[in-house]
């Protein structure tokens, strides 16, 4: 399964969903997590007076994460969580090293 991760350094889950300009996409299978690609997005936490809840950005991010079973970030607001769930992307908020965390997460997905 594919899982998207917000990370500043590529080692730890340490970035807020709204600050991410890219997501690392990992394939998690048979007790291992392998980086397969990086997908860029527009920052969700950006000012737009015409779209205060930034639904357009959430839709765009969800489309960019298409095919991913989940997205894992260090922090995420309630609105983005509920909207991503509508698009079929399960949000998780945690921290730690990417690979072992994803392996453990895959056990419950």
PDB file of N, CA and C in Angstrom:
ATOM      1  N   UNK A   1       0.833  -1.172   0.000  1.00  0.00           N
ATOM      2  CA  UNK A   1       0.000   0.000   0.000  1.00  0.00           C
ATOM      3  C   UNK A   1       0.876   1.232   0.000  1.00  0.00           C
ATOM      4  N   UNK A   2       0.338   2.332  -0.531  1.00  0.00           N
ATOM      5  CA  UNK A   2       1.063   3.593  -0.563  1.00  0.00           C
ATOM      6  C   UNK A   2       0.618   4.479   0.591  1.00  0.00           C
ATOM      7  N   UNK A   3       1.590   5.107   1.251  1.00  0.00           N
ATOM      8  CA  UNK A   3       1.324   6.024   2.352  1.00  0.00           C
ATOM      9  C   UNK A   3       2.150   7.295   2.111  1.00  0.00           C
ATOM     10  N   UNK A   4       1.483   8.444   2.210  1.00  0.00           N
ATOM     11  CA  UNK A   4       2.151   9.733   2.036  1.00  0.00           C
ATOM     12  C   UNK A   4       2.623  10.247   3.392  1.00  0.00           C
ATOM     13  N   UNK A   5       3.786  10.881   3.408  1.00  0.00           N
ATOM     14  CA  UNK A   5       4.387  11.373   4.645  1.00  0.00           C
ATOM     15  C   UNK A   5       4.828  12.822   4.469  1.00  0.00           C
ATOM     16  N   UNK A   6       4.532  13.636   5.493  1.00  0.00           N
ATOM     17  CA  UNK A   6       5.045  15.006   5.529  1.00  0.00           C
ATOM     18  C   UNK A   6       6.305  15.010   6.385  1.00  0.00           C
ATOM     19  N   UNK A   7       7.434  15.361   5.765  1.00  0.00           N
ATOM     20  CA  UNK A   7       8.712  15.346   6.466  1.00  0.00           C
ATOM     21  C   UNK A   7       9.581  16.488   5.972  1.00  0.00           C
ATOM     22  N   UNK A   8      10.231  17.164   6.912  1.00  0.00           N
ATOM     23  CA  UNK A   8      11.162  18.231   6.552  1.00  0.00           C
ATOM     24  C   UNK A   8      12.510  17.679   6.106  1.00  0.00           C
ATOM     25  N   UNK A   9      12.909  16.531   6.696  1.00  0.00           N
ATOM     26  CA  UNK A   9      14.256  16.025   6.472  1.00  0.00           C
ATOM     27  C   UNK A   9      14.336  14.677   5.772  1.00  0.00           C
ATOM     28  N   UNK A  10      13.192  14.053   5.488  1.00  0.00           N
ATOM     29  CA  UNK A  10      13.200  12.760   4.814  1.00  0.00           C
ATOM     30  C   UNK A  10      13.515  11.585   5.714  1.00  0.00           C
ATOM     31  N   UNK A  11      13.691  11.828   7.013  1.00  0.00           N
ATOM     32  CA  UNK A  11      13.973  10.749   7.964  1.00  0.00           C
ATOM     33  C   UNK A  11      12.863  10.600   8.994  1.00  0.00           C
ATOM     34  N   UNK A  12      12.356  11.749   9.458  1.00  0.00           N
ATOM     35  CA  UNK A  12      11.353  11.754  10.517  1.00  0.00           C
ATOM     36  C   UNK A  12      10.026  12.308  10.025  1.00  0.00           C
ATOM     37  N   UNK A  13       8.944  11.890  10.671  1.00  0.00           N
ATOM     38  CA  UNK A  13       7.633  12.496  10.455  1.00  0.00           C
ATOM     39  C   UNK A  13       7.629  13.729  11.355  1.00  0.00           C
ATOM     40  N   UNK A  14       7.859  14.893  10.754  1.00  0.00           N
ATOM     41  CA  UNK A  14       8.078  16.091  11.567  1.00  0.00           C
ATOM     42  C   UNK A  14       7.556  17.362  10.922  1.00  0.00           C
ATOM     43  N   UNK A  15       6.553  17.226  10.055  1.00  0.00           N
ATOM     44  CA  UNK A  15       6.039  18.418   9.403  1.00  0.00           C
ATOM     45  C   UNK A  15       4.518  18.489   9.522  1.00  0.00           C
ATOM     46  N   UNK A  16       4.033  19.700   9.744  1.00  0.00           N
ATOM     47  CA  UNK A  16       2.602  19.985   9.806  1.00  0.00           C
ATOM     48  C   UNK A  16       2.021  19.835   8.402  1.00  0.00           C
ATOM     49  N   UNK A  17       0.846  19.243   8.302  1.00  0.00           N
ATOM     50  CA  UNK A  17       0.180  19.059   7.008  1.00  0.00           C
ATOM     51  C   UNK A  17       0.123  20.363   6.217  1.00  0.00           C
ATOM     52  N   UNK A  18      -0.304  21.417   6.873  1.00  0.00           N
ATOM     53  CA  UNK A  18      -0.488  22.694   6.193  1.00  0.00           C
ATOM     54  C   UNK A  18       0.776  23.383   5.739  1.00  0.00           C
ATOM     55  N   UNK A  19       1.933  22.953   6.234  1.00  0.00           N
ATOM     56  CA  UNK A  19       3.199  23.550   5.841  1.00  0.00           C
ATOM     57  C   UNK A  19       3.911  22.763   4.747  1.00  0.00           C
ATOM     58  N   UNK A  20       3.404  21.576   4.466  1.00  0.00           N
ATOM     59  CA  UNK A  20       4.068  20.698   3.488  1.00  0.00           C
ATOM     60  C   UNK A  20       3.928  21.241   2.073  1.00  0.00           C
ATOM     61  N   UNK A  21       5.031  21.249   1.365  1.00  0.00           N
ATOM     62  CA  UNK A  21       5.043  21.593  -0.056  1.00  0.00           C
ATOM     63  C   UNK A  21       5.362  20.367  -0.902  1.00  0.00           C
ATOM     64  N   UNK A  22       5.567  19.259  -0.186  1.00  0.00           N
ATOM     65  CA  UNK A  22       5.804  17.974  -0.852  1.00  0.00           C
ATOM     66  C   UNK A  22       5.432  16.864   0.119  1.00  0.00           C
ATOM     67  N   UNK A  23       5.066  15.734  -0.426  1.00  0.00           N
ATOM     68  CA  UNK A  23       4.823  14.539   0.371  1.00  0.00           C
ATOM     69  C   UNK A  23       5.691  13.425  -0.185  1.00  0.00           C
ATOM     70  N   UNK A  24       6.309  12.696   0.720  1.00  0.00           N
ATOM     71  CA  UNK A  24       7.098  11.530   0.340  1.00  0.00           C
ATOM     72  C   UNK A  24       6.142  10.351   0.286  1.00  0.00           C
ATOM     73  N   UNK A  25       6.181   9.613  -0.802  1.00  0.00           N
ATOM     74  CA  UNK A  25       5.263   8.491  -0.993  1.00  0.00           C
ATOM     75  C   UNK A  25       6.048   7.194  -0.799  1.00  0.00           C
ATOM     76  N   UNK A  26       5.584   6.420   0.182  1.00  0.00           N
ATOM     77  CA  UNK A  26       6.227   5.149   0.516  1.00  0.00           C
ATOM     78  C   UNK A  26       5.322   3.993   0.157  1.00  0.00           C
ATOM     79  N   UNK A  27       5.932   2.948  -0.340  1.00  0.00           N
ATOM     80  CA  UNK A  27       5.247   1.672  -0.524  1.00  0.00           C
ATOM     81  C   UNK A  27       5.559   0.836   0.711  1.00  0.00           C
ATOM     82  N   UNK A  28       4.514   0.380   1.388  1.00  0.00           N
ATOM     83  CA  UNK A  28       4.702  -0.397   2.610  1.00  0.00           C
ATOM     84  C   UNK A  28       4.134  -1.792   2.375  1.00  0.00           C
ATOM     85  N   UNK A  29       5.036  -2.769   2.383  1.00  0.00           N
ATOM     86  CA  UNK A  29       4.650  -4.161   2.128  1.00  0.00           C
ATOM     87  C   UNK A  29       5.601  -5.096   2.847  1.00  0.00           C
ATOM     88  N   UNK A  30       5.070  -6.205   3.323  1.00  0.00           N
ATOM     89  CA  UNK A  30       5.873  -7.273   3.921  1.00  0.00           C
ATOM     90  C   UNK A  30       6.856  -6.772   4.980  1.00  0.00           C
ATOM     91  N   UNK A  31       6.387  -5.860   5.824  1.00  0.00           N
ATOM     92  CA  UNK A  31       7.227  -5.392   6.921  1.00  0.00           C
ATOM     93  C   UNK A  31       8.334  -4.443   6.523  1.00  0.00           C
ATOM     94  N   UNK A  32       8.213  -3.810   5.348  1.00  0.00           N
ATOM     95  CA  UNK A  32       9.243  -2.876   4.893  1.00  0.00           C
ATOM     96  C   UNK A  32       8.582  -1.653   4.266  1.00  0.00           C
ATOM     97  N   UNK A  33       9.216  -0.514   4.380  1.00  0.00           N
ATOM     98  CA  UNK A  33       8.743   0.730   3.780  1.00  0.00           C
ATOM     99  C   UNK A  33       9.818   1.252   2.834  1.00  0.00           C
ATOM    100  N   UNK A  34       9.435   1.487   1.582  1.00  0.00           N
ATOM    101  CA  UNK A  34      10.368   1.938   0.562  1.00  0.00           C
ATOM    102  C   UNK A  34       9.872   3.228  -0.066  1.00  0.00           C
ATOM    103  N   UNK A  35      10.730   4.247  -0.111  1.00  0.00           N
ATOM    104  CA  UNK A  35      10.390   5.500  -0.765  1.00  0.00           C
ATOM    105  C   UNK A  35      10.281   5.251  -2.265  1.00  0.00           C
ATOM    106  N   UNK A  36       9.130   5.624  -2.850  1.00  0.00           N
ATOM    107  CA  UNK A  36       8.953   5.394  -4.286  1.00  0.00           C
ATOM    108  C   UNK A  36       8.876   6.684  -5.101  1.00  0.00           C
ATOM    109  N   UNK A  37       8.435   7.778  -4.455  1.00  0.00           N
ATOM    110  CA  UNK A  37       8.389   9.044  -5.186  1.00  0.00           C
ATOM    111  C   UNK A  37       8.112  10.199  -4.230  1.00  0.00           C
ATOM    112  N   UNK A  38       8.208  11.385  -4.784  1.00  0.00           N
ATOM    113  CA  UNK A  38       7.902  12.616  -4.065  1.00  0.00           C
ATOM    114  C   UNK A  38       6.871  13.369  -4.896  1.00  0.00           C
ATOM    115  N   UNK A  39       5.810  13.844  -4.235  1.00  0.00           N
ATOM    116  CA  UNK A  39       4.768  14.588  -4.941  1.00  0.00           C
ATOM    117  C   UNK A  39       4.662  15.984  -4.338  1.00  0.00           C
ATOM    118  N   UNK A  40       4.715  16.997  -5.197  1.00  0.00           N
ATOM    119  CA  UNK A  40       4.647  18.372  -4.720  1.00  0.00           C
ATOM    120  C   UNK A  40       3.199  18.852  -4.663  1.00  0.00           C
ATOM    121  N   UNK A  41       2.938  19.730  -3.702  1.00  0.00           N
ATOM    122  CA  UNK A  41       1.617  20.325  -3.513  1.00  0.00           C
ATOM    123  C   UNK A  41       1.791  21.801  -3.174  1.00  0.00           C
ATOM    124  N   UNK A  42       0.708  22.542  -3.280  1.00  0.00           N
ATOM    125  CA  UNK A  42       0.714  23.928  -2.821  1.00  0.00           C
ATOM    126  C   UNK A  42       0.428  23.921  -1.320  1.00  0.00           C
ATOM    127  N   UNK A  43       1.153  24.726  -0.572  1.00  0.00           N
ATOM    128  CA  UNK A  43       0.960  24.790   0.888  1.00  0.00           C
ATOM    129  C   UNK A  43      -0.494  25.071   1.227  1.00  0.00           C
ATOM    130  N   UNK A  44      -1.061  24.266   2.099  1.00  0.00           N
ATOM    131  CA  UNK A  44      -2.436  24.471   2.546  1.00  0.00           C
ATOM    132  C   UNK A  44      -2.550  25.715   3.423  1.00  0.00           C
ATOM    133  N   UNK A  45      -1.589  25.950   4.295  1.00  0.00           N
ATOM    134  CA  UNK A  45      -1.606  27.125   5.177  1.00  0.00           C
ATOM    135  C   UNK A  45      -1.084  28.334   4.414  1.00  0.00           C
ATOM    136  N   UNK A  46      -1.958  28.887   3.599  1.00  0.00           N
ATOM    137  CA  UNK A  46      -1.630  30.091   2.849  1.00  0.00           C
ATOM    138  C   UNK A  46      -2.874  30.966   2.849  1.00  0.00           C
ATOM    139  N   UNK A  47      -2.697  32.248   2.815  1.00  0.00           N
ATOM    140  CA  UNK A  47      -3.822  33.171   2.908  1.00  0.00           C
ATOM    141  C   UNK A  47      -4.532  33.308   1.569  1.00  0.00           C
ATOM    142  N   UNK A  48      -5.851  33.127   1.591  1.00  0.00           N
ATOM    143  CA  UNK A  48      -6.675  33.320   0.406  1.00  0.00           C
ATOM    144  C   UNK A  48      -8.022  33.867   0.864  1.00  0.00           C
ATOM    145  N   UNK A  49      -8.237  35.179   0.776  1.00  0.00           N
ATOM    146  CA  UNK A  49      -9.469  35.778   1.285  1.00  0.00           C
ATOM    147  C   UNK A  49     -10.724  35.270   0.583  1.00  0.00           C
ATOM    148  N   UNK A  50     -10.601  34.793  -0.651  1.00  0.00           N
ATOM    149  CA  UNK A  50     -11.759  34.290  -1.386  1.00  0.00           C
ATOM    150  C   UNK A  50     -12.117  32.854  -1.001  1.00  0.00           C
ATOM    151  N   UNK A  51     -11.180  32.135  -0.393  1.00  0.00           N
ATOM    152  CA  UNK A  51     -11.400  30.744   0.015  1.00  0.00           C
ATOM    153  C   UNK A  51     -10.830  30.533   1.415  1.00  0.00           C
ATOM    154  N   UNK A  52     -11.504  31.044   2.458  1.00  0.00           N
ATOM    155  CA  UNK A  52     -10.926  30.984   3.809  1.00  0.00           C
ATOM    156  C   UNK A  52     -10.701  29.562   4.335  1.00  0.00           C
ATOM    157  N   UNK A  53     -11.493  28.589   3.926  1.00  0.00           N
ATOM    158  CA  UNK A  53     -11.272  27.206   4.375  1.00  0.00           C
ATOM    159  C   UNK A  53     -10.371  26.433   3.410  1.00  0.00           C
ATOM    160  N   UNK A  54      -9.983  27.080   2.329  1.00  0.00           N
ATOM    161  CA  UNK A  54      -9.038  26.536   1.351  1.00  0.00           C
ATOM    162  C   UNK A  54      -9.437  25.164   0.808  1.00  0.00           C
ATOM    163  N   UNK A  55     -10.734  24.991   0.583  1.00  0.00           N
ATOM    164  CA  UNK A  55     -11.220  23.728   0.029  1.00  0.00           C
ATOM    165  C   UNK A  55     -10.600  23.399  -1.305  1.00  0.00           C
ATOM    166  N   UNK A  56     -10.306  24.444  -2.098  1.00  0.00           N
ATOM    167  CA  UNK A  56      -9.669  24.209  -3.391  1.00  0.00           C
ATOM    168  C   UNK A  56      -8.294  23.569  -3.223  1.00  0.00           C
ATOM    169  N   UNK A  57      -7.551  23.985  -2.193  1.00  0.00           N
ATOM    170  CA  UNK A  57      -6.228  23.398  -1.959  1.00  0.00           C
ATOM    171  C   UNK A  57      -6.340  21.979  -1.411  1.00  0.00           C
ATOM    172  N   UNK A  58      -7.335  21.741  -0.555  1.00  0.00           N
ATOM    173  CA  UNK A  58      -7.529  20.387  -0.036  1.00  0.00           C
ATOM    174  C   UNK A  58      -7.872  19.429  -1.166  1.00  0.00           C
ATOM    175  N   UNK A  59      -8.731  19.874  -2.073  1.00  0.00           N
ATOM    176  CA  UNK A  59      -9.099  19.041  -3.220  1.00  0.00           C
ATOM    177  C   UNK A  59      -7.866  18.744  -4.062  1.00  0.00           C
ATOM    178  N   UNK A  60      -7.077  19.779  -4.312  1.00  0.00           N
ATOM    179  CA  UNK A  60      -5.869  19.611  -5.113  1.00  0.00           C
ATOM    180  C   UNK A  60      -4.877  18.661  -4.437  1.00  0.00           C
ATOM    181  N   UNK A  61      -4.701  18.813  -3.125  1.00  0.00           N
ATOM    182  CA  UNK A  61      -3.788  17.937  -2.385  1.00  0.00           C
ATOM    183  C   UNK A  61      -4.300  16.505  -2.405  1.00  0.00           C
ATOM    184  N   UNK A  62      -5.603  16.323  -2.198  1.00  0.00           N
ATOM    185  CA  UNK A  62      -6.182  14.980  -2.222  1.00  0.00           C
ATOM    186  C   UNK A  62      -5.990  14.336  -3.594  1.00  0.00           C
ATOM    187  N   UNK A  63      -6.153  15.111  -4.648  1.00  0.00           N
ATOM    188  CA  UNK A  63      -5.930  14.581  -6.005  1.00  0.00           C
ATOM    189  C   UNK A  63      -4.470  14.194  -6.200  1.00  0.00           C
ATOM    190  N   UNK A  64      -3.565  15.005  -5.654  1.00  0.00           N
ATOM    191  CA  UNK A  64      -2.134  14.706  -5.761  1.00  0.00           C
ATOM    192  C   UNK A  64      -1.793  13.423  -5.003  1.00  0.00           C
ATOM    193  N   UNK A  65      -2.489  13.170  -3.903  1.00  0.00           N
ATOM    194  CA  UNK A  65      -2.235  11.977  -3.095  1.00  0.00           C
ATOM    195  C   UNK A  65      -3.068  10.778  -3.532  1.00  0.00           C
ATOM    196  N   UNK A  66      -3.717  10.883  -4.677  1.00  0.00           N
ATOM    197  CA  UNK A  66      -4.533   9.778  -5.190  1.00  0.00           C
ATOM    198  C   UNK A  66      -3.719   8.491  -5.227  1.00  0.00           C
ATOM    199  N   UNK A  67      -4.343   7.426  -4.777  1.00  0.00           N
ATOM    200  CA  UNK A  67      -3.670   6.132  -4.747  1.00  0.00           C
ATOM    201  C   UNK A  67      -3.052   5.822  -3.397  1.00  0.00           C
ATOM    202  N   UNK A  68      -2.924   6.840  -2.546  1.00  0.00           N
ATOM    203  CA  UNK A  68      -2.374   6.635  -1.204  1.00  0.00           C
ATOM    204  C   UNK A  68      -3.500   6.222  -0.252  1.00  0.00           C
ATOM    205  N   UNK A  69      -3.234   5.242   0.551  1.00  0.00           N
ATOM    206  CA  UNK A  69      -4.214   4.766   1.541  1.00  0.00           C
ATOM    207  C   UNK A  69      -4.312   5.738   2.707  1.00  0.00           C
ATOM    208  N   UNK A  70      -3.205   6.412   3.032  1.00  0.00           N
ATOM    209  CA  UNK A  70      -3.167   7.296   4.196  1.00  0.00           C
ATOM    210  C   UNK A  70      -2.150   8.401   3.975  1.00  0.00           C
ATOM    211  N   UNK A  71      -2.280   9.445   4.817  1.00  0.00           N
ATOM    212  CA  UNK A  71      -1.275  10.501   4.881  1.00  0.00           C
ATOM    213  C   UNK A  71      -0.898  10.644   6.352  1.00  0.00           C
ATOM    214  N   UNK A  72       0.410  10.746   6.609  1.00  0.00           N
ATOM    215  CA  UNK A  72       0.922  10.812   7.976  1.00  0.00           C
ATOM    216  C   UNK A  72       1.679  12.125   8.136  1.00  0.00           C
ATOM    217  N   UNK A  73       1.275  12.888   9.165  1.00  0.00           N
ATOM    218  CA  UNK A  73       1.894  14.183   9.422  1.00  0.00           C
ATOM    219  C   UNK A  73       2.114  14.362  10.921  1.00  0.00           C
ATOM    220  N   UNK A  74       2.930  15.349  11.271  1.00  0.00           N
ATOM    221  CA  UNK A  74       3.186  15.647  12.684  1.00  0.00           C
ATOM    222  C   UNK A  74       2.017  16.394  13.312  1.00  0.00           C
ATOM    223  N   UNK A  75       1.299  17.187  12.509  1.00  0.00           N
ATOM    224  CA  UNK A  75       0.132  17.923  12.983  1.00  0.00           C
ATOM    225  C   UNK A  75      -0.822  18.119  11.815  1.00  0.00           C
ATOM    226  N   UNK A  76      -2.127  18.181  12.154  1.00  0.00           N
ATOM    227  CA  UNK A  76      -3.129  18.436  11.128  1.00  0.00           C
ATOM    228  C   UNK A  76      -4.401  18.923  11.810  1.00  0.00           C
ATOM    229  N   UNK A  77      -4.990  19.960  11.264  1.00  0.00           N
ATOM    230  CA  UNK A  77      -6.232  20.492  11.808  1.00  0.00           C
ATOM    231  C   UNK A  77      -7.414  19.574  11.530  1.00  0.00           C
ATOM    232  N   UNK A  78      -8.486  19.800  12.264  1.00  0.00           N
ATOM    233  CA  UNK A  78      -9.684  18.968  12.122  1.00  0.00           C
ATOM    234  C   UNK A  78     -10.335  19.114  10.751  1.00  0.00           C
ATOM    235  N   UNK A  79     -10.364  20.324  10.211  1.00  0.00           N
ATOM    236  CA  UNK A  79     -10.984  20.519   8.894  1.00  0.00           C
ATOM    237  C   UNK A  79     -10.254  19.738   7.802  1.00  0.00           C
ATOM    238  N   UNK A  80      -8.934  19.853   7.690  1.00  0.00           N
ATOM    239  CA  UNK A  80      -8.241  19.049   6.677  1.00  0.00           C
ATOM    240  C   UNK A  80      -8.448  17.541   6.891  1.00  0.00           C
ATOM    241  N   UNK A  81      -8.449  17.097   8.152  1.00  0.00           N
ATOM    242  CA  UNK A  81      -8.670  15.670   8.424  1.00  0.00           C
ATOM    243  C   UNK A  81      -9.994  15.205   7.845  1.00  0.00           C
ATOM    244  N   UNK A  82     -11.058  15.923   8.163  1.00  0.00           N
ATOM    245  CA  UNK A  82     -12.380  15.488   7.705  1.00  0.00           C
ATOM    246  C   UNK A  82     -12.512  15.588   6.189  1.00  0.00           C
ATOM    247  N   UNK A  83     -11.919  16.600   5.601  1.00  0.00           N
ATOM    248  CA  UNK A  83     -12.001  16.737   4.148  1.00  0.00           C
ATOM    249  C   UNK A  83     -11.209  15.644   3.440  1.00  0.00           C
ATOM    250  N   UNK A  84     -10.012  15.323   3.923  1.00  0.00           N
ATOM    251  CA  UNK A  84      -9.224  14.263   3.298  1.00  0.00           C
ATOM    252  C   UNK A  84      -9.948  12.921   3.385  1.00  0.00           C
ATOM    253  N   UNK A  85     -10.609  12.670   4.510  1.00  0.00           N
ATOM    254  CA  UNK A  85     -11.378  11.434   4.646  1.00  0.00           C
ATOM    255  C   UNK A  85     -12.461  11.339   3.580  1.00  0.00           C
ATOM    256  N   UNK A  86     -13.081  12.474   3.238  1.00  0.00           N
ATOM    257  CA  UNK A  86     -14.103  12.493   2.182  1.00  0.00           C
ATOM    258  C   UNK A  86     -13.513  12.066   0.839  1.00  0.00           C
ATOM    259  N   UNK A  87     -12.235  12.352   0.651  1.00  0.00           N
ATOM    260  CA  UNK A  87     -11.563  11.992  -0.597  1.00  0.00           C
ATOM    261  C   UNK A  87     -10.931  10.599  -0.538  1.00  0.00           C
ATOM    262  N   UNK A  88     -11.147   9.896   0.575  1.00  0.00           N
ATOM    263  CA  UNK A  88     -10.654   8.533   0.688  1.00  0.00           C
ATOM    264  C   UNK A  88      -9.221   8.401   1.164  1.00  0.00           C
ATOM    265  N   UNK A  89      -8.648   9.480   1.710  1.00  0.00           N
ATOM    266  CA  UNK A  89      -7.290   9.448   2.242  1.00  0.00           C
ATOM    267  C   UNK A  89      -7.396   9.507   3.765  1.00  0.00           C
ATOM    268  N   UNK A  90      -6.917   8.474   4.444  1.00  0.00           N
ATOM    269  CA  UNK A  90      -7.028   8.407   5.899  1.00  0.00           C
ATOM    270  C   UNK A  90      -5.886   9.180   6.562  1.00  0.00           C
ATOM    271  N   UNK A  91      -6.202  10.201   7.370  1.00  0.00           N
ATOM    272  CA  UNK A  91      -5.162  10.997   8.009  1.00  0.00           C
ATOM    273  C   UNK A  91      -4.699  10.399   9.340  1.00  0.00           C
ATOM    274  N   UNK A  92      -3.400  10.489   9.593  1.00  0.00           N
ATOM    275  CA  UNK A  92      -2.815  10.066  10.862  1.00  0.00           C
ATOM    276  C   UNK A  92      -1.846  11.137  11.331  1.00  0.00           C
ATOM    277  N   UNK A  93      -1.898  11.447  12.607  1.00  0.00           N
ATOM    278  CA  UNK A  93      -0.987  12.421  13.203  1.00  0.00           C
ATOM    279  C   UNK A  93      -0.102  11.678  14.195  1.00  0.00           C
ATOM    280  N   UNK A  94       1.188  11.721  13.945  1.00  0.00           N
ATOM    281  CA  UNK A  94       2.169  11.050  14.806  1.00  0.00           C
ATOM    282  C   UNK A  94       3.537  11.657  14.524  1.00  0.00           C
ATOM    283  N   UNK A  95       4.539  11.158  15.201  1.00  0.00           N
ATOM    284  CA  UNK A  95       5.911  11.582  14.939  1.00  0.00           C
ATOM    285  C   UNK A  95       6.813  10.367  15.086  1.00  0.00           C
ATOM    286  N   UNK A  96       8.056  10.511  14.686  1.00  0.00           N
ATOM    287  CA  UNK A  96       9.018   9.420  14.787  1.00  0.00           C
ATOM    288  C   UNK A  96       9.697   9.166  13.470  1.00  0.00           C
ATOM    289  N   UNK A  97      10.558   8.162  13.468  1.00  0.00           N
ATOM    290  CA  UNK A  97      11.240   7.764  12.243  1.00  0.00           C
ATOM    291  C   UNK A  97      10.219   7.254  11.228  1.00  0.00           C
ATOM    292  N   UNK A  98      10.388   7.611   9.979  1.00  0.00           N
ATOM    293  CA  UNK A  98       9.397   7.284   8.959  1.00  0.00           C
ATOM    294  C   UNK A  98       9.207   5.781   8.790  1.00  0.00           C
ATOM    295  N   UNK A  99      10.262   5.070   8.450  1.00  0.00           N
ATOM    296  CA  UNK A  99      10.101   3.659   8.063  1.00  0.00           C
ATOM    297  C   UNK A  99       9.486   2.791   9.159  1.00  0.00           C
ATOM    298  N   UNK A 100      10.018   2.777  10.391  1.00  0.00           N
ATOM    299  CA  UNK A 100       9.395   1.912  11.399  1.00  0.00           C
ATOM    300  C   UNK A 100       7.965   2.346  11.740  1.00  0.00           C
ATOM    301  N   UNK A 101       7.694   3.643  11.686  1.00  0.00           N
ATOM    302  CA  UNK A 101       6.340   4.121  11.985  1.00  0.00           C
ATOM    303  C   UNK A 101       5.366   3.632  10.913  1.00  0.00           C
ATOM    304  N   UNK A 102       5.763   3.700   9.655  1.00  0.00           N
ATOM    305  CA  UNK A 102       4.881   3.242   8.585  1.00  0.00           C
ATOM    306  C   UNK A 102       4.646   1.749   8.631  1.00  0.00           C
ATOM    307  N   UNK A 103       5.661   0.991   8.976  1.00  0.00           N
ATOM    308  CA  UNK A 103       5.515  -0.460   9.095  1.00  0.00           C
ATOM    309  C   UNK A 103       4.487  -0.791  10.173  1.00  0.00           C
ATOM    310  N   UNK A 104       4.559  -0.093  11.298  1.00  0.00           N
ATOM    311  CA  UNK A 104       3.584  -0.312  12.379  1.00  0.00           C
ATOM    312  C   UNK A 104       2.189   0.143  11.973  1.00  0.00           C
ATOM    313  N   UNK A 105       2.096   1.279  11.299  1.00  0.00           N
ATOM    314  CA  UNK A 105       0.818   1.796  10.858  1.00  0.00           C
ATOM    315  C   UNK A 105       0.148   0.847   9.871  1.00  0.00           C
ATOM    316  N   UNK A 106       0.928   0.263   9.001  1.00  0.00           N
ATOM    317  CA  UNK A 106       0.380  -0.652   7.996  1.00  0.00           C
ATOM    318  C   UNK A 106      -0.316  -1.853   8.650  1.00  0.00           C
ATOM    319  N   UNK A 107       0.097  -2.206   9.831  1.00  0.00           N
ATOM    320  CA  UNK A 107      -0.515  -3.348  10.528  1.00  0.00           C
ATOM    321  C   UNK A 107      -1.968  -3.088  10.912  1.00  0.00           C
ATOM    322  N   UNK A 108      -2.339  -1.796  11.056  1.00  0.00           N
ATOM    323  CA  UNK A 108      -3.720  -1.489  11.449  1.00  0.00           C
ATOM    324  C   UNK A 108      -4.572  -1.011  10.275  1.00  0.00           C
ATOM    325  N   UNK A 109      -3.952  -0.797   9.131  1.00  0.00           N
ATOM    326  CA  UNK A 109      -4.721  -0.348   7.958  1.00  0.00           C
ATOM    327  C   UNK A 109      -5.301  -1.510   7.177  1.00  0.00           C
TER     328      UNK A 109
END
